[in-house]
């Protein structure tokens, strides 16, 4: 009876060893690939000094009005992600895309990712360019950060444009996230592996093959980084802090939102309420996914031009 037992133990040992070797391999590949890819990631924009670190900003166009673009949470390369919209706007506006810490080419940071800290850092980056009057625009969670930003720097912001932005009272934003697991998956190289096996997230869009490659390279670098995980850790308190906030009634507000968001109850109604609070507020519903600017940039840009033509200069 000893021989079958020995064979069984060997089989069990092999079965246990296979996943250990596998994750060990993916972890090693992830470290090596991330270092190698550093030379392949595109250099774009300009690095400005913010809080003793470097933050990347991309400044395009030269119109009389300036638009400052802020990304949604977790966007690996905001400047490339916003490219379809920037291409539609930079013939009429100066468009400044800010890549907060942990995004795009910007440094990581140990500073807690509270709304107040993020807003202060973005403002420092914008101010470093000598810009003191602009339209603030953003995607997704930028809508929460913008509430604090506008309250503190109202004299600089002439209007707000939201691209399927998060709103106070949005359900489900108090959930506990398995951040430890996310970090482990990143370190083991499994985030990279999953991304490589997934369908093309930009299928059906106008992104070029080169842009898609760069988006993937920056995602490999920035997804589930310590800075990103810290921002995710602050999602619940940041939403809670914004619960009673609104934009000033005299601030022109243009909101674009998903027409059929089945994942968030009352999505359109929440945006209708936010737009209605403004003396000059407008909501435009679009039939697209959360990243409206991936497929609807021409429509968004045209509506922005019409709306901002009546905004305070």
C-alpha atoms as a PDB file:
ATOM      1  CA  UNK A   1       0.000   0.000   0.000  1.00  0.00           C
ATOM      2  CA  UNK A   2       2.982   2.322   0.284  1.00  0.00           C
ATOM      3  CA  UNK A   3       3.515   2.665  -3.470  1.00  0.00           C
ATOM      4  CA  UNK A   4       0.024   4.059  -4.287  1.00  0.00           C
ATOM      5  CA  UNK A   5       0.370   6.484  -1.381  1.00  0.00           C
ATOM      6  CA  UNK A   6       3.726   7.649  -2.700  1.00  0.00           C
ATOM      7  CA  UNK A   7       2.290   8.117  -6.202  1.00  0.00           C
ATOM      8  CA  UNK A   8      -0.663  10.053  -4.767  1.00  0.00           C
ATOM      9  CA  UNK A   9       1.631  12.383  -2.855  1.00  0.00           C
ATOM     10  CA  UNK A  10       3.687  13.003  -5.986  1.00  0.00           C
ATOM     11  CA  UNK A  11       0.554  13.833  -8.003  1.00  0.00           C
ATOM     12  CA  UNK A  12      -0.690  16.190  -5.288  1.00  0.00           C
ATOM     13  CA  UNK A  13       2.714  17.835  -5.139  1.00  0.00           C
ATOM     14  CA  UNK A  14       2.731  18.392  -8.901  1.00  0.00           C
ATOM     15  CA  UNK A  15      -0.803  19.843  -8.859  1.00  0.00           C
ATOM     16  CA  UNK A  16       0.187  22.250  -6.101  1.00  0.00           C
ATOM     17  CA  UNK A  17       3.451  23.166  -7.811  1.00  0.00           C
ATOM     18  CA  UNK A  18       1.855  24.008 -11.168  1.00  0.00           C
ATOM     19  CA  UNK A  19      -0.054  27.133  -9.985  1.00  0.00           C
ATOM     20  CA  UNK A  20       2.899  28.171  -7.803  1.00  0.00           C
ATOM     21  CA  UNK A  21       5.256  27.986 -10.776  1.00  0.00           C
ATOM     22  CA  UNK A  22       2.648  29.673 -12.980  1.00  0.00           C
ATOM     23  CA  UNK A  23       2.139  32.718 -10.762  1.00  0.00           C
ATOM     24  CA  UNK A  24       5.855  32.885 -10.104  1.00  0.00           C
ATOM     25  CA  UNK A  25       6.400  33.051 -13.841  1.00  0.00           C
ATOM     26  CA  UNK A  26       3.711  35.686 -14.423  1.00  0.00           C
ATOM     27  CA  UNK A  27       5.107  37.805 -11.599  1.00  0.00           C
ATOM     28  CA  UNK A  28       8.601  37.673 -13.067  1.00  0.00           C
ATOM     29  CA  UNK A  29       7.329  38.385 -16.569  1.00  0.00           C
ATOM     30  CA  UNK A  30       5.367  41.358 -15.229  1.00  0.00           C
ATOM     31  CA  UNK A  31       8.423  42.936 -13.584  1.00  0.00           C
ATOM     32  CA  UNK A  32      10.659  42.377 -16.595  1.00  0.00           C
ATOM     33  CA  UNK A  33       8.037  43.483 -19.122  1.00  0.00           C
ATOM     34  CA  UNK A  34       7.178  46.654 -17.189  1.00  0.00           C
ATOM     35  CA  UNK A  35      10.842  47.676 -17.177  1.00  0.00           C
ATOM     36  CA  UNK A  36      11.301  46.839 -20.857  1.00  0.00           C
ATOM     37  CA  UNK A  37       8.119  48.677 -21.839  1.00  0.00           C
ATOM     38  CA  UNK A  38       9.375  51.906 -20.266  1.00  0.00           C
ATOM     39  CA  UNK A  39      11.304  52.610 -23.466  1.00  0.00           C
ATOM     40  CA  UNK A  40       8.236  51.873 -25.608  1.00  0.00           C
ATOM     41  CA  UNK A  41       5.842  54.169 -23.794  1.00  0.00           C
ATOM     42  CA  UNK A  42       5.318  57.400 -25.685  1.00  0.00           C
ATOM     43  CA  UNK A  43       6.757  60.635 -24.344  1.00  0.00           C
ATOM     44  CA  UNK A  44       4.131  63.363 -24.665  1.00  0.00           C
ATOM     45  CA  UNK A  45       3.035  66.520 -22.901  1.00  0.00           C
ATOM     46  CA  UNK A  46       5.105  68.460 -20.405  1.00  0.00           C
ATOM     47  CA  UNK A  47       6.000  67.682 -16.814  1.00  0.00           C
ATOM     48  CA  UNK A  48       5.253  70.456 -14.332  1.00  0.00           C
ATOM     49  CA  UNK A  49       6.195  70.741 -10.660  1.00  0.00           C
ATOM     50  CA  UNK A  50       3.365  69.902  -8.276  1.00  0.00           C
ATOM     51  CA  UNK A  51       3.837  69.227  -4.564  1.00  0.00           C
ATOM     52  CA  UNK A  52       7.493  68.356  -5.096  1.00  0.00           C
ATOM     53  CA  UNK A  53       6.743  65.831  -7.842  1.00  0.00           C
ATOM     54  CA  UNK A  54       6.155  65.834 -11.586  1.00  0.00           C
ATOM     55  CA  UNK A  55       2.659  65.963 -13.087  1.00  0.00           C
ATOM     56  CA  UNK A  56       2.076  65.623 -16.816  1.00  0.00           C
ATOM     57  CA  UNK A  57      -0.114  68.072 -18.717  1.00  0.00           C
ATOM     58  CA  UNK A  58      -0.887  68.136 -22.442  1.00  0.00           C
ATOM     59  CA  UNK A  59      -1.573  71.585 -23.923  1.00  0.00           C
ATOM     60  CA  UNK A  60      -3.126  71.658 -27.422  1.00  0.00           C
ATOM     61  CA  UNK A  61      -4.942  74.260 -29.506  1.00  0.00           C
ATOM     62  CA  UNK A  62      -4.982  78.028 -29.162  1.00  0.00           C
ATOM     63  CA  UNK A  63      -8.567  79.249 -29.012  1.00  0.00           C
ATOM     64  CA  UNK A  64      -9.712  82.225 -26.947  1.00  0.00           C
ATOM     65  CA  UNK A  65     -11.388  79.922 -24.409  1.00  0.00           C
ATOM     66  CA  UNK A  66      -9.491  77.260 -22.499  1.00  0.00           C
ATOM     67  CA  UNK A  67     -10.885  73.859 -21.540  1.00  0.00           C
ATOM     68  CA  UNK A  68      -9.257  71.829 -18.772  1.00  0.00           C
ATOM     69  CA  UNK A  69      -9.965  68.098 -19.080  1.00  0.00           C
ATOM     70  CA  UNK A  70      -9.895  65.709 -16.101  1.00  0.00           C
ATOM     71  CA  UNK A  71     -10.033  61.894 -16.476  1.00  0.00           C
ATOM     72  CA  UNK A  72     -12.219  59.244 -14.965  1.00  0.00           C
ATOM     73  CA  UNK A  73     -10.846  57.009 -12.229  1.00  0.00           C
ATOM     74  CA  UNK A  74      -8.258  54.524 -13.432  1.00  0.00           C
ATOM     75  CA  UNK A  75      -7.758  55.960 -16.924  1.00  0.00           C
ATOM     76  CA  UNK A  76      -4.259  54.745 -17.791  1.00  0.00           C
ATOM     77  CA  UNK A  77      -3.357  57.590 -20.164  1.00  0.00           C
ATOM     78  CA  UNK A  78      -5.836  60.489 -20.019  1.00  0.00           C
ATOM     79  CA  UNK A  79      -4.298  62.417 -22.922  1.00  0.00           C
ATOM     80  CA  UNK A  80      -4.504  59.453 -25.293  1.00  0.00           C
ATOM     81  CA  UNK A  81      -7.901  58.383 -23.956  1.00  0.00           C
ATOM     82  CA  UNK A  82      -9.301  61.875 -24.613  1.00  0.00           C
ATOM     83  CA  UNK A  83      -7.664  62.078 -28.072  1.00  0.00           C
ATOM     84  CA  UNK A  84     -10.918  61.723 -30.075  1.00  0.00           C
ATOM     85  CA  UNK A  85     -12.493  64.597 -28.140  1.00  0.00           C
ATOM     86  CA  UNK A  86      -9.365  66.762 -28.174  1.00  0.00           C
ATOM     87  CA  UNK A  87      -9.168  66.363 -31.955  1.00  0.00           C
ATOM     88  CA  UNK A  88     -12.709  67.748 -32.205  1.00  0.00           C
ATOM     89  CA  UNK A  89     -12.031  70.697 -29.887  1.00  0.00           C
ATOM     90  CA  UNK A  90      -8.499  71.956 -30.433  1.00  0.00           C
ATOM     91  CA  UNK A  91      -9.409  73.812 -33.615  1.00  0.00           C
ATOM     92  CA  UNK A  92     -11.607  76.131 -31.519  1.00  0.00           C
ATOM     93  CA  UNK A  93     -10.194  75.968 -27.990  1.00  0.00           C
ATOM     94  CA  UNK A  94      -7.004  75.672 -26.047  1.00  0.00           C
ATOM     95  CA  UNK A  95      -7.387  72.229 -24.475  1.00  0.00           C
ATOM     96  CA  UNK A  96      -5.322  71.287 -21.423  1.00  0.00           C
ATOM     97  CA  UNK A  97      -5.476  67.658 -20.317  1.00  0.00           C
ATOM     98  CA  UNK A  98      -4.255  67.090 -16.770  1.00  0.00           C
ATOM     99  CA  UNK A  99      -2.913  63.664 -15.835  1.00  0.00           C
ATOM    100  CA  UNK A 100      -3.204  63.488 -12.022  1.00  0.00           C
ATOM    101  CA  UNK A 101      -0.616  61.638  -9.990  1.00  0.00           C
ATOM    102  CA  UNK A 102      -0.661  57.941 -10.842  1.00  0.00           C
ATOM    103  CA  UNK A 103      -2.062  58.599 -14.333  1.00  0.00           C
ATOM    104  CA  UNK A 104      -0.333  58.681 -17.698  1.00  0.00           C
ATOM    105  CA  UNK A 105       3.222  60.009 -17.424  1.00  0.00           C
ATOM    106  CA  UNK A 106       2.750  61.624 -14.006  1.00  0.00           C
ATOM    107  CA  UNK A 107       4.597  60.489 -10.892  1.00  0.00           C
ATOM    108  CA  UNK A 108       3.009  58.303  -8.257  1.00  0.00           C
ATOM    109  CA  UNK A 109       2.429  59.820  -4.827  1.00  0.00           C
ATOM    110  CA  UNK A 110       2.031  58.823  -1.191  1.00  0.00           C
ATOM    111  CA  UNK A 111      -0.301  61.752  -0.519  1.00  0.00           C
ATOM    112  CA  UNK A 112      -3.795  60.386   0.306  1.00  0.00           C
ATOM    113  CA  UNK A 113      -6.157  60.526  -2.673  1.00  0.00           C
ATOM    114  CA  UNK A 114      -8.769  62.680  -1.021  1.00  0.00           C
ATOM    115  CA  UNK A 115     -10.902  64.995  -3.126  1.00  0.00           C
ATOM    116  CA  UNK A 116      -9.273  68.018  -1.515  1.00  0.00           C
ATOM    117  CA  UNK A 117      -5.732  66.830  -2.268  1.00  0.00           C
ATOM    118  CA  UNK A 118      -6.530  65.898  -5.865  1.00  0.00           C
ATOM    119  CA  UNK A 119      -8.266  69.226  -6.501  1.00  0.00           C
ATOM    120  CA  UNK A 120      -5.353  71.175  -5.006  1.00  0.00           C
ATOM    121  CA  UNK A 121      -2.815  69.286  -7.122  1.00  0.00           C
ATOM    122  CA  UNK A 122      -4.775  69.771 -10.335  1.00  0.00           C
ATOM    123  CA  UNK A 123      -5.118  73.480  -9.591  1.00  0.00           C
ATOM    124  CA  UNK A 124      -1.378  73.781  -8.981  1.00  0.00           C
ATOM    125  CA  UNK A 125      -0.702  72.128 -12.349  1.00  0.00           C
ATOM    126  CA  UNK A 126      -3.124  74.419 -14.190  1.00  0.00           C
ATOM    127  CA  UNK A 127      -1.769  77.512 -12.434  1.00  0.00           C
ATOM    128  CA  UNK A 128       1.787  76.568 -13.406  1.00  0.00           C
ATOM    129  CA  UNK A 129       0.768  77.155 -17.034  1.00  0.00           C
ATOM    130  CA  UNK A 130      -0.349  80.691 -16.231  1.00  0.00           C
ATOM    131  CA  UNK A 131      -4.011  79.842 -16.856  1.00  0.00           C
ATOM    132  CA  UNK A 132      -6.520  81.541 -14.559  1.00  0.00           C
ATOM    133  CA  UNK A 133      -9.790  81.334 -16.527  1.00  0.00           C
ATOM    134  CA  UNK A 134     -11.154  78.162 -18.101  1.00  0.00           C
ATOM    135  CA  UNK A 135     -13.983  75.722 -18.589  1.00  0.00           C
ATOM    136  CA  UNK A 136     -13.577  72.694 -16.340  1.00  0.00           C
ATOM    137  CA  UNK A 137     -14.567  69.417 -17.983  1.00  0.00           C
ATOM    138  CA  UNK A 138     -14.209  65.830 -16.908  1.00  0.00           C
ATOM    139  CA  UNK A 139     -15.269  62.222 -17.112  1.00  0.00           C
ATOM    140  CA  UNK A 140     -16.745  59.926 -14.468  1.00  0.00           C
ATOM    141  CA  UNK A 141     -15.366  60.528 -10.954  1.00  0.00           C
ATOM    142  CA  UNK A 142     -14.045  63.922 -12.066  1.00  0.00           C
ATOM    143  CA  UNK A 143     -17.605  65.083 -11.414  1.00  0.00           C
ATOM    144  CA  UNK A 144     -17.091  64.524  -7.684  1.00  0.00           C
ATOM    145  CA  UNK A 145     -13.688  66.196  -7.607  1.00  0.00           C
ATOM    146  CA  UNK A 146     -15.051  69.116  -9.630  1.00  0.00           C
ATOM    147  CA  UNK A 147     -17.602  70.008  -6.946  1.00  0.00           C
ATOM    148  CA  UNK A 148     -14.799  70.748  -4.489  1.00  0.00           C
ATOM    149  CA  UNK A 149     -12.630  72.326  -7.167  1.00  0.00           C
ATOM    150  CA  UNK A 150     -15.297  74.784  -8.299  1.00  0.00           C
ATOM    151  CA  UNK A 151     -16.199  75.709  -4.729  1.00  0.00           C
ATOM    152  CA  UNK A 152     -12.596  76.671  -4.010  1.00  0.00           C
ATOM    153  CA  UNK A 153     -11.648  78.207  -7.357  1.00  0.00           C
ATOM    154  CA  UNK A 154     -14.972  79.587  -8.555  1.00  0.00           C
ATOM    155  CA  UNK A 155     -13.375  82.829  -9.759  1.00  0.00           C
ATOM    156  CA  UNK A 156     -11.392  80.854 -12.360  1.00  0.00           C
ATOM    157  CA  UNK A 157     -13.990  78.384 -13.656  1.00  0.00           C
ATOM    158  CA  UNK A 158     -16.411  79.772 -16.269  1.00  0.00           C
ATOM    159  CA  UNK A 159     -18.455  76.575 -16.834  1.00  0.00           C
ATOM    160  CA  UNK A 160     -18.485  72.859 -16.096  1.00  0.00           C
ATOM    161  CA  UNK A 161     -18.933  70.098 -18.667  1.00  0.00           C
ATOM    162  CA  UNK A 162     -19.521  66.558 -17.407  1.00  0.00           C
ATOM    163  CA  UNK A 163     -18.992  63.465 -19.548  1.00  0.00           C
ATOM    164  CA  UNK A 164     -21.052  60.766 -17.829  1.00  0.00           C
ATOM    165  CA  UNK A 165     -19.786  62.167 -14.558  1.00  0.00           C
ATOM    166  CA  UNK A 166     -20.338  60.753 -11.103  1.00  0.00           C
ATOM    167  CA  UNK A 167     -22.910  62.631  -9.007  1.00  0.00           C
ATOM    168  CA  UNK A 168     -23.708  62.998  -5.304  1.00  0.00           C
ATOM    169  CA  UNK A 169     -26.193  60.406  -4.148  1.00  0.00           C
ATOM    170  CA  UNK A 170     -25.040  57.868  -6.712  1.00  0.00           C
ATOM    171  CA  UNK A 171     -25.908  54.439  -5.267  1.00  0.00           C
ATOM    172  CA  UNK A 172     -23.368  51.726  -4.617  1.00  0.00           C
ATOM    173  CA  UNK A 173     -20.363  53.941  -3.932  1.00  0.00           C
ATOM    174  CA  UNK A 174     -19.992  52.855  -0.301  1.00  0.00           C
ATOM    175  CA  UNK A 175     -19.066  49.257  -1.126  1.00  0.00           C
ATOM    176  CA  UNK A 176     -15.900  47.746   0.336  1.00  0.00           C
ATOM    177  CA  UNK A 177     -13.404  46.871  -2.386  1.00  0.00           C
ATOM    178  CA  UNK A 178     -10.873  43.998  -2.107  1.00  0.00           C
ATOM    179  CA  UNK A 179      -7.908  46.327  -2.550  1.00  0.00           C
ATOM    180  CA  UNK A 180      -5.449  43.835  -1.104  1.00  0.00           C
ATOM    181  CA  UNK A 181      -6.504  41.287  -3.700  1.00  0.00           C
ATOM    182  CA  UNK A 182      -6.220  43.869  -6.480  1.00  0.00           C
ATOM    183  CA  UNK A 183      -2.677  44.698  -5.403  1.00  0.00           C
ATOM    184  CA  UNK A 184      -1.737  41.030  -5.243  1.00  0.00           C
ATOM    185  CA  UNK A 185      -3.121  40.391  -8.724  1.00  0.00           C
ATOM    186  CA  UNK A 186      -1.046  43.320  -9.975  1.00  0.00           C
ATOM    187  CA  UNK A 187       2.159  42.103  -8.329  1.00  0.00           C
ATOM    188  CA  UNK A 188       1.662  38.548  -9.596  1.00  0.00           C
ATOM    189  CA  UNK A 189       1.269  39.802 -13.147  1.00  0.00           C
ATOM    190  CA  UNK A 190      -2.285  38.530 -13.394  1.00  0.00           C
ATOM    191  CA  UNK A 191      -3.738  41.950 -14.206  1.00  0.00           C
ATOM    192  CA  UNK A 192      -1.432  42.059 -17.220  1.00  0.00           C
ATOM    193  CA  UNK A 193      -2.394  38.500 -18.165  1.00  0.00           C
ATOM    194  CA  UNK A 194      -6.133  39.158 -17.895  1.00  0.00           C
ATOM    195  CA  UNK A 195      -5.814  42.321 -19.994  1.00  0.00           C
ATOM    196  CA  UNK A 196      -3.882  40.416 -22.629  1.00  0.00           C
ATOM    197  CA  UNK A 197      -6.564  37.731 -22.861  1.00  0.00           C
ATOM    198  CA  UNK A 198      -9.503  40.170 -22.909  1.00  0.00           C
ATOM    199  CA  UNK A 199     -11.302  41.507 -25.964  1.00  0.00           C
ATOM    200  CA  UNK A 200     -10.184  44.800 -27.471  1.00  0.00           C
ATOM    201  CA  UNK A 201     -11.802  47.470 -25.236  1.00  0.00           C
ATOM    202  CA  UNK A 202     -11.482  50.030 -28.051  1.00  0.00           C
ATOM    203  CA  UNK A 203     -13.128  47.989 -30.801  1.00  0.00           C
ATOM    204  CA  UNK A 204     -15.431  50.141 -32.899  1.00  0.00           C
ATOM    205  CA  UNK A 205     -13.689  53.388 -31.943  1.00  0.00           C
ATOM    206  CA  UNK A 206     -11.493  55.760 -33.947  1.00  0.00           C
ATOM    207  CA  UNK A 207      -8.293  54.978 -32.007  1.00  0.00           C
ATOM    208  CA  UNK A 208      -5.370  54.039 -34.221  1.00  0.00           C
ATOM    209  CA  UNK A 209      -3.378  50.854 -33.724  1.00  0.00           C
ATOM    210  CA  UNK A 210      -0.535  52.946 -32.292  1.00  0.00           C
ATOM    211  CA  UNK A 211      -2.858  54.641 -29.799  1.00  0.00           C
ATOM    212  CA  UNK A 212      -4.302  51.289 -28.714  1.00  0.00           C
ATOM    213  CA  UNK A 213      -0.787  49.977 -28.169  1.00  0.00           C
ATOM    214  CA  UNK A 214       0.122  52.981 -26.025  1.00  0.00           C
ATOM    215  CA  UNK A 215      -3.076  52.682 -23.987  1.00  0.00           C
ATOM    216  CA  UNK A 216      -2.177  49.054 -23.255  1.00  0.00           C
ATOM    217  CA  UNK A 217       1.394  49.954 -22.303  1.00  0.00           C
ATOM    218  CA  UNK A 218       0.261  52.655 -19.883  1.00  0.00           C
ATOM    219  CA  UNK A 219      -2.401  50.336 -18.462  1.00  0.00           C
ATOM    220  CA  UNK A 220       0.285  47.745 -17.710  1.00  0.00           C
ATOM    221  CA  UNK A 221       2.191  50.420 -15.792  1.00  0.00           C
ATOM    222  CA  UNK A 222      -0.586  52.264 -13.986  1.00  0.00           C
ATOM    223  CA  UNK A 223      -3.452  49.819 -13.391  1.00  0.00           C
ATOM    224  CA  UNK A 224      -3.740  48.840  -9.719  1.00  0.00           C
ATOM    225  CA  UNK A 225      -0.642  50.828  -8.787  1.00  0.00           C
ATOM    226  CA  UNK A 226      -0.360  51.942  -5.132  1.00  0.00           C
ATOM    227  CA  UNK A 227      -1.562  55.433  -6.127  1.00  0.00           C
ATOM    228  CA  UNK A 228      -4.564  54.034  -7.989  1.00  0.00           C
ATOM    229  CA  UNK A 229      -5.407  51.672  -5.132  1.00  0.00           C
ATOM    230  CA  UNK A 230      -5.245  54.533  -2.656  1.00  0.00           C
ATOM    231  CA  UNK A 231      -7.678  56.512  -4.803  1.00  0.00           C
ATOM    232  CA  UNK A 232     -10.007  53.506  -4.838  1.00  0.00           C
ATOM    233  CA  UNK A 233      -9.688  53.311  -1.040  1.00  0.00           C
ATOM    234  CA  UNK A 234     -10.960  56.897  -0.842  1.00  0.00           C
ATOM    235  CA  UNK A 235     -13.912  56.447  -3.193  1.00  0.00           C
ATOM    236  CA  UNK A 236     -16.448  55.891  -0.407  1.00  0.00           C
ATOM    237  CA  UNK A 237     -15.347  58.796   1.834  1.00  0.00           C
ATOM    238  CA  UNK A 238     -14.956  61.104  -1.166  1.00  0.00           C
ATOM    239  CA  UNK A 239     -18.533  60.363  -2.266  1.00  0.00           C
ATOM    240  CA  UNK A 240     -19.801  60.746   1.299  1.00  0.00           C
ATOM    241  CA  UNK A 241     -18.088  64.137   1.591  1.00  0.00           C
ATOM    242  CA  UNK A 242     -19.745  65.265  -1.643  1.00  0.00           C
ATOM    243  CA  UNK A 243     -23.237  64.162  -0.607  1.00  0.00           C
ATOM    244  CA  UNK A 244     -24.589  67.640   0.100  1.00  0.00           C
ATOM    245  CA  UNK A 245     -22.583  69.531  -2.512  1.00  0.00           C
ATOM    246  CA  UNK A 246     -23.879  71.217  -5.638  1.00  0.00           C
ATOM    247  CA  UNK A 247     -22.353  73.442  -8.262  1.00  0.00           C
ATOM    248  CA  UNK A 248     -23.001  77.170  -7.744  1.00  0.00           C
ATOM    249  CA  UNK A 249     -26.328  78.098  -9.318  1.00  0.00           C
ATOM    250  CA  UNK A 250     -24.690  80.796 -11.453  1.00  0.00           C
ATOM    251  CA  UNK A 251     -22.205  78.341 -12.999  1.00  0.00           C
ATOM    252  CA  UNK A 252     -23.234  77.155 -16.489  1.00  0.00           C
ATOM    253  CA  UNK A 253     -23.393  73.343 -16.406  1.00  0.00           C
ATOM    254  CA  UNK A 254     -23.555  71.040 -19.435  1.00  0.00           C
ATOM    255  CA  UNK A 255     -23.905  67.336 -18.708  1.00  0.00           C
ATOM    256  CA  UNK A 256     -23.654  64.395 -21.080  1.00  0.00           C
ATOM    257  CA  UNK A 257     -24.905  61.089 -19.695  1.00  0.00           C
ATOM    258  CA  UNK A 258     -25.659  57.554 -20.783  1.00  0.00           C
ATOM    259  CA  UNK A 259     -29.175  57.200 -22.051  1.00  0.00           C
ATOM    260  CA  UNK A 260     -29.499  53.607 -20.870  1.00  0.00           C
ATOM    261  CA  UNK A 261     -27.378  52.979 -17.814  1.00  0.00           C
ATOM    262  CA  UNK A 262     -28.680  49.689 -16.440  1.00  0.00           C
ATOM    263  CA  UNK A 263     -25.992  49.455 -13.784  1.00  0.00           C
ATOM    264  CA  UNK A 264     -26.905  52.546 -11.740  1.00  0.00           C
ATOM    265  CA  UNK A 265     -30.502  53.120 -10.717  1.00  0.00           C
ATOM    266  CA  UNK A 266     -31.822  56.576 -11.557  1.00  0.00           C
ATOM    267  CA  UNK A 267     -28.699  57.612 -13.505  1.00  0.00           C
ATOM    268  CA  UNK A 268     -30.471  60.002 -15.876  1.00  0.00           C
ATOM    269  CA  UNK A 269     -32.648  61.418 -13.086  1.00  0.00           C
ATOM    270  CA  UNK A 270     -29.612  62.194 -10.922  1.00  0.00           C
ATOM    271  CA  UNK A 271     -28.090  64.163 -13.781  1.00  0.00           C
ATOM    272  CA  UNK A 272     -31.369  65.922 -14.527  1.00  0.00           C
ATOM    273  CA  UNK A 273     -31.448  67.076 -10.913  1.00  0.00           C
ATOM    274  CA  UNK A 274     -27.875  68.354 -11.069  1.00  0.00           C
ATOM    275  CA  UNK A 275     -28.464  70.215 -14.320  1.00  0.00           C
ATOM    276  CA  UNK A 276     -31.729  71.705 -13.037  1.00  0.00           C
ATOM    277  CA  UNK A 277     -29.932  73.295 -10.071  1.00  0.00           C
ATOM    278  CA  UNK A 278     -27.996  75.559 -12.430  1.00  0.00           C
ATOM    279  CA  UNK A 279     -29.550  78.747 -13.760  1.00  0.00           C
ATOM    280  CA  UNK A 280     -28.159  77.665 -17.108  1.00  0.00           C
ATOM    281  CA  UNK A 281     -28.008  73.878 -17.055  1.00  0.00           C
ATOM    282  CA  UNK A 282     -28.460  71.338 -19.819  1.00  0.00           C
ATOM    283  CA  UNK A 283     -28.478  67.527 -19.948  1.00  0.00           C
ATOM    284  CA  UNK A 284     -27.861  65.606 -23.155  1.00  0.00           C
ATOM    285  CA  UNK A 285     -28.445  61.847 -23.103  1.00  0.00           C
ATOM    286  CA  UNK A 286     -26.357  59.750 -25.499  1.00  0.00           C
ATOM    287  CA  UNK A 287     -26.771  56.140 -26.565  1.00  0.00           C
ATOM    288  CA  UNK A 288     -23.265  54.886 -25.752  1.00  0.00           C
ATOM    289  CA  UNK A 289     -21.315  53.225 -22.966  1.00  0.00           C
ATOM    290  CA  UNK A 290     -19.758  54.995 -19.968  1.00  0.00           C
ATOM    291  CA  UNK A 291     -16.805  56.261 -22.005  1.00  0.00           C
ATOM    292  CA  UNK A 292     -19.010  58.498 -24.126  1.00  0.00           C
ATOM    293  CA  UNK A 293     -16.054  60.288 -25.685  1.00  0.00           C
ATOM    294  CA  UNK A 294     -14.749  57.061 -27.204  1.00  0.00           C
ATOM    295  CA  UNK A 295     -17.572  56.975 -29.752  1.00  0.00           C
ATOM    296  CA  UNK A 296     -19.515  60.248 -29.420  1.00  0.00           C
ATOM    297  CA  UNK A 297     -16.798  62.902 -29.515  1.00  0.00           C
ATOM    298  CA  UNK A 298     -18.177  64.715 -32.598  1.00  0.00           C
ATOM    299  CA  UNK A 299     -21.595  65.075 -30.950  1.00  0.00           C
ATOM    300  CA  UNK A 300     -20.070  66.089 -27.618  1.00  0.00           C
ATOM    301  CA  UNK A 301     -17.778  68.685 -29.195  1.00  0.00           C
ATOM    302  CA  UNK A 302     -20.551  70.229 -31.287  1.00  0.00           C
ATOM    303  CA  UNK A 303     -22.846  70.549 -28.267  1.00  0.00           C
ATOM    304  CA  UNK A 304     -19.999  72.019 -26.200  1.00  0.00           C
ATOM    305  CA  UNK A 305     -19.300  74.643 -28.839  1.00  0.00           C
ATOM    306  CA  UNK A 306     -22.944  75.688 -28.924  1.00  0.00           C
ATOM    307  CA  UNK A 307     -23.249  75.759 -25.131  1.00  0.00           C
ATOM    308  CA  UNK A 308     -19.953  77.486 -24.404  1.00  0.00           C
ATOM    309  CA  UNK A 309     -20.685  80.149 -26.965  1.00  0.00           C
ATOM    310  CA  UNK A 310     -23.163  81.454 -24.410  1.00  0.00           C
ATOM    311  CA  UNK A 311     -21.000  80.870 -21.338  1.00  0.00           C
ATOM    312  CA  UNK A 312     -19.298  83.708 -19.557  1.00  0.00           C
ATOM    313  CA  UNK A 313     -15.904  84.320 -21.158  1.00  0.00           C
END
